């Protein structure tokens, strides 16, 4: 899986922002939903005119990731925007929380078929006060949405359980898919171990 932080020119505002795209093969790319991940600063600020993405997404101490960018005080087409006027900044996010599937109210989705040597499922998520995340493992006995112990709060690495059982109920290497149900929640990632 490939992830790209792309500079996107906005003709009507004469500026740029940074958006995310993903690809399974490095040839065909899809924009991630949710809009830009970095936008220019307020008018008159050092990065208020235009921004351009740098290279690299790097983990730093404190469970954070950063990506460099160059900011300019003036718009993209401004004649006074020259290379020596740009400044380097760092966009910072909590680790493993660059993008999410978001359900403002109720939402659900099913993954493409998966296969894993892992038998335990871990989620990185956030929910609002009455929100939750539930998961079913299609093809596994007893691993339904109804049997899933609801998950809520803010967790970087929470193990999914079904009536207290912590395995996905599928033999390693066998094909299955996951059915996620979210209410007022953000799902950043899942991992099978």
Protein backbone atom coordinates (compact mmCIF):
# COMPACT_ATOMS: atom_id res chain seq x y z
CA UNK A 1 0.00 0.00 0.00
CA UNK A 2 1.33 3.44 -0.91
CA UNK A 3 0.47 6.81 0.63
CA UNK A 4 1.20 10.16 -0.99
CA UNK A 5 1.06 13.65 0.52
CA UNK A 6 0.28 15.66 -2.62
CA UNK A 7 0.38 19.41 -3.24
CA UNK A 8 -2.92 20.43 -4.86
CA UNK A 9 -3.22 23.81 -6.61
CA UNK A 10 -6.51 25.63 -6.00
CA UNK A 11 -7.06 27.96 -8.98
CA UNK A 12 -9.94 29.96 -7.45
CA UNK A 13 -7.98 30.83 -4.31
CA UNK A 14 -4.57 31.02 -6.06
CA UNK A 15 -3.12 28.77 -3.40
CA UNK A 16 -2.18 25.17 -2.61
CA UNK A 17 -3.04 22.67 0.09
CA UNK A 18 -1.82 19.18 0.95
CA UNK A 19 -4.11 16.19 0.44
CA UNK A 20 -3.67 12.44 0.75
CA UNK A 21 -3.88 9.82 -1.98
CA UNK A 22 -3.44 6.06 -1.70
CA UNK A 23 -2.59 3.30 -4.13
CA UNK A 24 -2.27 -0.48 -3.98
CA UNK A 25 0.12 -0.66 -6.97
CA UNK A 26 1.80 2.78 -7.17
CA UNK A 27 0.15 3.43 -10.57
CA UNK A 28 -3.54 4.01 -9.84
CA UNK A 29 -4.24 6.55 -7.10
CA UNK A 30 -7.38 7.47 -5.17
CA UNK A 31 -7.91 10.61 -3.10
CA UNK A 32 -8.62 9.88 0.55
CA UNK A 33 -11.87 11.44 1.77
CA UNK A 34 -11.96 14.21 4.33
CA UNK A 35 -10.36 17.04 2.38
CA UNK A 36 -6.93 18.59 2.83
CA UNK A 37 -4.67 17.46 5.69
CA UNK A 38 -2.70 20.74 5.67
CA UNK A 39 -3.99 24.14 4.53
CA UNK A 40 -2.28 27.54 4.31
CA UNK A 41 -2.13 29.57 7.51
CA UNK A 42 -4.09 32.78 8.16
CA UNK A 43 -3.65 35.69 5.70
CA UNK A 44 -0.41 37.53 6.35
CA UNK A 45 1.25 34.63 8.19
CA UNK A 46 4.52 33.10 6.96
CA UNK A 47 2.58 30.24 5.29
CA UNK A 48 -0.67 32.12 4.58
CA UNK A 49 -0.21 32.48 0.82
CA UNK A 50 0.75 29.04 -0.45
CA UNK A 51 2.22 25.78 0.80
CA UNK A 52 4.05 22.98 -0.99
CA UNK A 53 4.60 19.47 0.35
CA UNK A 54 8.04 18.18 1.19
CA UNK A 55 9.31 14.62 1.05
CA UNK A 56 8.92 12.06 3.80
CA UNK A 57 6.58 11.14 6.61
CA UNK A 58 8.65 10.48 9.72
CA UNK A 59 7.87 9.19 13.21
CA UNK A 60 9.25 11.31 16.04
CA UNK A 61 9.24 10.82 19.82
CA UNK A 62 5.97 11.32 21.64
CA UNK A 63 3.85 9.10 19.34
CA UNK A 64 3.81 11.70 16.55
CA UNK A 65 4.48 11.77 12.82
CA UNK A 66 5.68 14.79 10.85
CA UNK A 67 5.87 15.80 7.21
CA UNK A 68 7.85 18.84 6.02
CA UNK A 69 6.36 21.56 3.87
CA UNK A 70 7.42 24.93 2.48
CA UNK A 71 5.21 27.92 3.22
CA UNK A 72 5.04 31.29 1.47
CA UNK A 73 3.42 34.48 2.69
CA UNK A 74 2.19 35.36 -0.80
CA UNK A 75 -0.18 33.54 -3.21
CA UNK A 76 1.09 31.10 -5.82
CA UNK A 77 0.95 33.49 -8.79
CA UNK A 78 2.45 36.45 -6.90
CA UNK A 79 5.46 37.96 -8.64
CA UNK A 80 7.16 38.48 -5.27
CA UNK A 81 7.09 34.75 -4.41
CA UNK A 82 10.66 33.60 -4.92
CA UNK A 83 12.42 30.49 -3.59
CA UNK A 84 14.38 32.42 -0.95
CA UNK A 85 11.16 33.76 0.61
CA UNK A 86 9.77 30.37 1.60
CA UNK A 87 10.12 28.90 5.08
CA UNK A 88 10.17 25.27 6.11
CA UNK A 89 7.55 23.99 8.52
CA UNK A 90 6.45 20.64 9.90
CA UNK A 91 2.90 19.36 9.82
CA UNK A 92 2.39 17.19 12.92
CA UNK A 93 -0.18 14.47 13.65
CA UNK A 94 -0.61 11.88 16.39
CA UNK A 95 1.07 8.61 15.34
CA UNK A 96 -1.10 6.44 13.08
CA UNK A 97 -3.83 9.09 12.93
CA UNK A 98 -3.24 10.80 9.63
CA UNK A 99 -6.55 9.68 8.10
CA UNK A 100 -9.70 7.93 9.27
CA UNK A 101 -13.00 6.51 8.19
CA UNK A 102 -15.50 8.80 9.89
CA UNK A 103 -19.13 8.17 10.85
CA UNK A 104 -20.67 11.37 12.20
CA UNK A 105 -23.81 9.37 12.97
CA UNK A 106 -24.26 5.70 11.97
CA UNK A 107 -22.12 4.08 9.31
CA UNK A 108 -20.76 0.71 8.27
CA UNK A 109 -18.49 -0.88 5.70
CA UNK A 110 -17.05 -4.26 4.74
CA UNK A 111 -13.41 -4.82 3.82
CA UNK A 112 -12.23 -6.62 0.72
CA UNK A 113 -11.33 -10.28 1.37
CA UNK A 114 -8.37 -10.63 3.73
CA UNK A 115 -6.05 -13.43 4.81
CA UNK A 116 -3.77 -13.26 7.83
CA UNK A 117 -1.50 -15.37 9.96
CA UNK A 118 -2.69 -13.30 12.93
CA UNK A 119 -5.66 -14.36 15.00
CA UNK A 120 -6.21 -11.22 17.09
CA UNK A 121 -7.67 -7.94 15.82
CA UNK A 122 -6.57 -4.53 17.16
CA UNK A 123 -8.18 -1.16 16.38
CA UNK A 124 -7.03 2.46 16.51
CA UNK A 125 -10.19 4.59 17.00
CA UNK A 126 -11.94 7.51 18.69
CA UNK A 127 -15.60 7.81 19.56
CA UNK A 128 -17.79 10.61 20.84
CA UNK A 129 -19.81 10.32 24.06
CA UNK A 130 -22.51 7.95 22.74
CA UNK A 131 -20.41 6.48 19.95
CA UNK A 132 -19.01 2.99 19.51
CA UNK A 133 -17.21 0.67 17.14
CA UNK A 134 -18.23 -2.97 16.54
CA UNK A 135 -16.79 -5.57 14.19
CA UNK A 136 -18.01 -8.84 12.70
CA UNK A 137 -15.75 -11.45 11.08
CA UNK A 138 -17.79 -12.76 8.16
CA UNK A 139 -17.38 -16.52 7.95
CA UNK A 140 -16.56 -17.09 11.63
CA UNK A 141 -19.01 -18.59 14.08
CA UNK A 142 -19.88 -16.30 16.97
CA UNK A 143 -18.04 -13.28 15.54
CA UNK A 144 -21.11 -11.20 14.67
CA UNK A 145 -21.82 -7.50 15.19
CA UNK A 146 -24.30 -8.46 17.94
CA UNK A 147 -21.69 -10.58 19.78
CA UNK A 148 -18.95 -7.94 19.52
CA UNK A 149 -18.16 -6.17 22.78
CA UNK A 150 -18.68 -2.46 21.94
CA UNK A 151 -15.57 -0.29 21.95
CA UNK A 152 -15.69 3.37 22.87
CA UNK A 153 -13.38 6.18 23.94
CA UNK A 154 -9.96 6.92 22.51
CA UNK A 155 -7.61 3.98 21.90
CA UNK A 156 -4.48 3.60 19.79
CA UNK A 157 -4.39 -0.19 20.17
CA UNK A 158 -7.54 -1.90 21.47
CA UNK A 159 -8.09 -5.63 21.07
CA UNK A 160 -11.51 -6.60 19.71
CA UNK A 161 -13.46 -9.23 21.66
CA UNK A 162 -16.70 -11.10 21.06
CA UNK A 163 -18.42 -11.96 24.37
CA UNK A 164 -14.98 -11.85 25.95
CA UNK A 165 -13.26 -14.05 23.32
CA UNK A 166 -10.21 -12.38 21.78
CA UNK A 167 -9.53 -14.36 18.59
CA UNK A 168 -11.14 -13.76 15.20
CA UNK A 169 -12.30 -17.38 14.89
CA UNK A 170 -10.62 -17.99 11.52
CA UNK A 171 -7.72 -20.35 10.91
CA UNK A 172 -4.49 -18.56 9.93
CA UNK A 173 -4.21 -18.12 6.16
CA UNK A 174 -7.95 -18.61 5.48
CA UNK A 175 -9.91 -15.90 3.64
CA UNK A 176 -12.44 -13.68 5.47
CA UNK A 177 -13.69 -10.11 5.53
CA UNK A 178 -14.45 -7.69 8.33
CA UNK A 179 -17.75 -5.86 8.74
CA UNK A 180 -17.36 -2.64 10.74
CA UNK A 181 -20.24 -0.74 12.32
CA UNK A 182 -19.54 2.74 13.67
CA UNK A 183 -21.60 5.30 15.52
CA UNK A 184 -20.17 8.80 16.08
CA UNK A 185 -16.69 7.33 15.60
CA UNK A 186 -13.42 7.56 13.69
CA UNK A 187 -11.56 4.40 12.71
CA UNK A 188 -7.92 5.16 11.93
CA UNK A 189 -6.59 1.64 11.41
CA UNK A 190 -6.92 -2.05 12.17
CA UNK A 191 -4.23 -4.67 12.52
CA UNK A 192 -4.25 -8.46 12.72
CA UNK A 193 -1.55 -10.05 14.85
